[in-house]
Amino acid sequence: MARPTTTADAPADAARSGRDALPRRGEPAGCAEAVSTAGVLPPRRTVEVGSAVAGMVLSGLFLGGFSVVMNQIGEDVFRDSLHPEMAAAGIDLSTAGDPYTVARTLAAWFGFTLMGVLALGSAGVYAAQRSPERRATGWLLAAAGLVCLVGSQLILYPVAFLFFVGAGLFALRDTDRRPETRSPR
């Protein structure tokens, strides 16, 4: 039996329209809950987003770290401490000219690369969270991986691999979810 509605009931009805609404008199218990959760659950791209975020963090650590160090260090400190260590590691900057100028140029290039990686990676994460069913979002992560790979001059290939993993999972993982079924006791 339907109860009469008044304008005083309107706020109460609006408050009851949510997921935690109690059943009205005469309604079977659980009816309102079964209707609100019977829809299709949105897919989650946790692995893809996690690999992209890990790639952005590691890119910031390596590319940004080198850029910050080279922009803060003076030429005399570079020649006394950093240049001998880089030469011992097999990185000979003296073949291209003045080692300090070459290292600062490389730091500027790494900083520019980091900006591109962070922009493309952030756009990919935003698009993945906004509409996770779109496979085209993987292209943003693939572009971030390519920028990381080419911009770091193939040094950060393990970090670029994280972006490629996210892009590949966007292409391969199916996001079709079946509706959740609940028994309406």
Protein backbone atom coordinates (compact mmCIF):
# COMPACT_ATOMS: atom_id res chain seq x y z
CA MET A 1 0.00 0.00 0.00
CA ALA A 2 1.45 3.34 -1.00
CA ARG A 3 1.63 5.94 1.65
CA PRO A 4 0.64 9.52 0.90
CA THR A 5 3.52 11.88 0.25
CA THR A 6 3.76 15.42 1.48
CA THR A 7 6.30 18.15 1.02
CA ALA A 8 7.62 17.34 4.49
CA ASP A 9 8.56 13.87 3.24
CA ALA A 10 10.66 15.21 0.31
CA PRO A 11 13.89 15.73 2.30
CA ALA A 12 13.47 12.33 3.93
CA ASP A 13 12.93 10.66 0.53
CA ALA A 14 15.97 12.45 -0.90
CA ALA A 15 18.07 11.29 2.05
CA ARG A 16 16.83 7.70 1.59
CA SER A 17 17.71 7.56 -2.11
CA GLY A 18 21.32 6.57 -1.39
CA ARG A 19 22.87 3.13 -1.18
CA ASP A 20 22.21 2.71 2.55
CA ALA A 21 18.47 3.39 2.27
CA LEU A 22 16.22 1.42 4.57
CA PRO A 23 13.30 -0.41 2.95
CA ARG A 24 9.89 1.20 3.17
CA ARG A 25 6.92 -0.52 4.70
CA GLY A 26 5.80 -3.34 2.49
CA GLU A 27 9.14 -3.57 0.60
CA PRO A 28 11.12 -6.75 0.95
CA ALA A 29 14.35 -6.29 2.87
CA GLY A 30 17.39 -5.98 0.60
CA CYS A 31 15.40 -4.78 -2.41
CA ALA A 32 16.92 -1.31 -2.48
CA GLU A 33 20.42 -2.70 -2.00
CA ALA A 34 20.07 -5.30 -4.77
CA VAL A 35 18.96 -2.65 -7.26
CA SER A 36 21.79 -0.22 -6.49
CA THR A 37 24.63 -2.77 -6.77
CA ALA A 38 23.39 -4.82 -9.71
CA GLY A 39 25.14 -2.56 -12.25
CA VAL A 40 28.43 -3.30 -13.94
CA LEU A 41 31.45 -2.59 -11.79
CA PRO A 42 33.97 -0.20 -13.33
CA PRO A 43 37.23 -1.88 -14.27
CA ARG A 44 40.34 -1.00 -12.34
CA ARG A 45 43.74 -0.59 -13.95
CA THR A 46 45.80 -0.97 -10.79
CA VAL A 47 48.78 -2.76 -12.34
CA GLU A 48 48.98 -0.39 -15.31
CA VAL A 49 48.73 2.73 -13.17
CA GLY A 50 51.17 1.30 -10.62
CA SER A 51 53.80 0.56 -13.25
CA ALA A 52 53.41 4.04 -14.75
CA VAL A 53 53.71 5.72 -11.35
CA ALA A 54 56.77 3.61 -10.52
CA GLY A 55 58.30 4.64 -13.86
CA MET A 56 57.61 8.31 -13.15
CA VAL A 57 59.13 8.09 -9.66
CA LEU A 58 62.27 6.34 -10.91
CA SER A 59 62.59 8.78 -13.81
CA GLY A 60 62.35 11.66 -11.38
CA LEU A 61 64.95 10.05 -9.16
CA PHE A 62 67.52 9.34 -11.88
CA LEU A 63 66.94 12.03 -14.50
CA GLY A 64 65.98 14.72 -12.02
CA GLY A 65 68.72 13.74 -9.61
CA PHE A 66 71.45 14.12 -12.23
CA SER A 67 69.97 17.42 -13.41
CA VAL A 68 69.79 18.86 -9.91
CA VAL A 69 73.30 17.75 -8.98
CA MET A 70 74.82 19.17 -12.16
CA ASN A 71 72.99 22.47 -11.78
CA GLN A 72 74.10 22.87 -8.16
CA ILE A 73 77.72 21.81 -8.49
CA GLY A 74 80.52 24.20 -9.40
CA GLU A 75 83.18 23.56 -12.03
CA ASP A 76 86.01 23.10 -9.52
CA VAL A 77 84.01 20.58 -7.46
CA PHE A 78 83.02 18.78 -10.67
CA ARG A 79 86.65 18.45 -11.79
CA ASP A 80 87.81 17.31 -8.34
CA SER A 81 85.11 14.79 -7.42
CA LEU A 82 82.47 13.96 -10.01
CA HIS A 83 84.52 13.85 -13.22
CA PRO A 84 87.05 11.30 -11.89
CA GLU A 85 84.21 9.10 -10.66
CA MET A 86 82.44 9.28 -14.01
CA ALA A 87 85.70 8.44 -15.80
CA ALA A 88 86.24 5.46 -13.45
CA ALA A 89 82.72 4.26 -14.32
CA GLY A 90 83.57 4.37 -18.02
CA ILE A 91 81.86 7.64 -18.91
CA ASP A 92 84.48 9.73 -20.69
CA LEU A 93 83.13 13.23 -21.21
CA SER A 94 86.45 14.73 -22.32
CA THR A 95 86.14 13.30 -25.87
CA ALA A 96 83.28 15.69 -26.69
CA GLY A 97 84.98 18.86 -25.45
CA ASP A 98 85.03 20.50 -22.05
CA PRO A 99 83.74 17.81 -19.61
CA TYR A 100 81.93 20.32 -17.38
CA THR A 101 80.05 21.87 -20.32
CA VAL A 102 79.18 18.44 -21.69
CA ALA A 103 77.88 17.28 -18.30
CA ARG A 104 75.75 20.43 -17.88
CA THR A 105 74.36 19.98 -21.39
CA LEU A 106 73.51 16.37 -20.58
CA ALA A 107 71.84 17.52 -17.35
CA ALA A 108 69.72 20.02 -19.29
CA TRP A 109 68.73 17.28 -21.74
CA PHE A 110 67.80 14.94 -18.88
CA GLY A 111 65.70 17.70 -17.31
CA PHE A 112 63.86 18.28 -20.57
CA THR A 113 63.32 14.54 -20.91
CA LEU A 114 61.97 14.34 -17.38
CA MET A 115 59.38 17.01 -18.17
CA GLY A 116 58.18 15.02 -21.18
CA VAL A 117 58.06 11.74 -19.27
CA LEU A 118 56.13 13.28 -16.38
CA ALA A 119 53.67 15.04 -18.70
CA LEU A 120 52.93 11.92 -20.74
CA GLY A 121 52.90 9.64 -17.70
CA SER A 122 50.56 11.93 -15.77
CA ALA A 123 48.22 12.18 -18.75
CA GLY A 124 48.24 8.39 -19.01
CA VAL A 125 47.47 7.90 -15.33
CA TYR A 126 44.70 10.52 -15.47
CA ALA A 127 43.17 8.90 -18.56
CA ALA A 128 43.44 5.45 -16.99
CA GLN A 129 41.56 6.56 -13.91
CA ARG A 130 39.04 8.64 -15.82
CA SER A 131 38.05 5.98 -18.37
CA PRO A 132 39.81 2.69 -17.64
CA GLU A 133 38.02 0.79 -20.39
CA ARG A 134 39.73 2.76 -23.18
CA ARG A 135 42.69 0.90 -24.61
CA ALA A 136 43.98 4.04 -26.35
CA THR A 137 45.34 5.22 -23.00
CA GLY A 138 48.15 2.71 -23.46
CA TRP A 139 49.54 4.89 -26.25
CA LEU A 140 50.26 7.65 -23.73
CA LEU A 141 52.23 5.23 -21.58
CA ALA A 142 54.06 3.88 -24.63
CA ALA A 143 54.99 7.45 -25.62
CA ALA A 144 56.24 8.10 -22.07
CA GLY A 145 58.39 4.98 -22.33
CA LEU A 146 59.80 6.05 -25.69
CA VAL A 147 60.61 9.53 -24.39
CA CYS A 148 62.31 7.99 -21.35
CA LEU A 149 64.27 5.57 -23.52
CA VAL A 150 65.41 8.01 -26.18
CA GLY A 151 65.80 10.99 -23.86
CA SER A 152 68.04 9.09 -21.49
CA GLN A 153 70.06 7.87 -24.47
CA LEU A 154 69.11 4.24 -23.75
CA ILE A 155 70.52 4.43 -20.21
CA LEU A 156 67.17 4.09 -18.43
CA TYR A 157 65.84 1.12 -20.40
CA PRO A 158 64.68 -0.67 -17.21
CA VAL A 159 62.61 2.38 -16.26
CA ALA A 160 61.21 2.68 -19.79
CA PHE A 161 60.28 -1.00 -19.55
CA LEU A 162 57.85 -0.13 -16.73
CA PHE A 163 55.99 2.23 -19.08
CA PHE A 164 55.99 -0.41 -21.81
CA VAL A 165 54.55 -2.98 -19.37
CA GLY A 166 51.69 -0.61 -18.56
CA ALA A 167 51.06 0.08 -22.25
CA GLY A 168 51.15 -3.62 -23.08
CA LEU A 169 48.70 -4.46 -20.33
CA PHE A 170 46.34 -1.81 -21.65
CA ALA A 171 46.44 -3.54 -25.01
CA LEU A 172 46.14 -7.10 -23.70
CA ARG A 173 43.94 -7.04 -20.61
CA ASP A 174 40.22 -7.29 -21.13
CA THR A 175 38.13 -4.98 -18.97
CA ASP A 176 34.73 -6.57 -19.53
CA ARG A 177 33.29 -7.19 -16.11
CA ARG A 178 30.22 -9.22 -15.48
CA PRO A 179 27.51 -7.65 -13.38
CA GLU A 180 27.69 -8.56 -9.74
CA THR A 181 24.78 -10.79 -8.86
CA ARG A 182 23.36 -10.87 -5.40
CA SER A 183 20.60 -13.05 -4.12
CA PRO A 184 17.58 -10.92 -3.13
CA ARG A 185 16.66 -13.07 -0.11
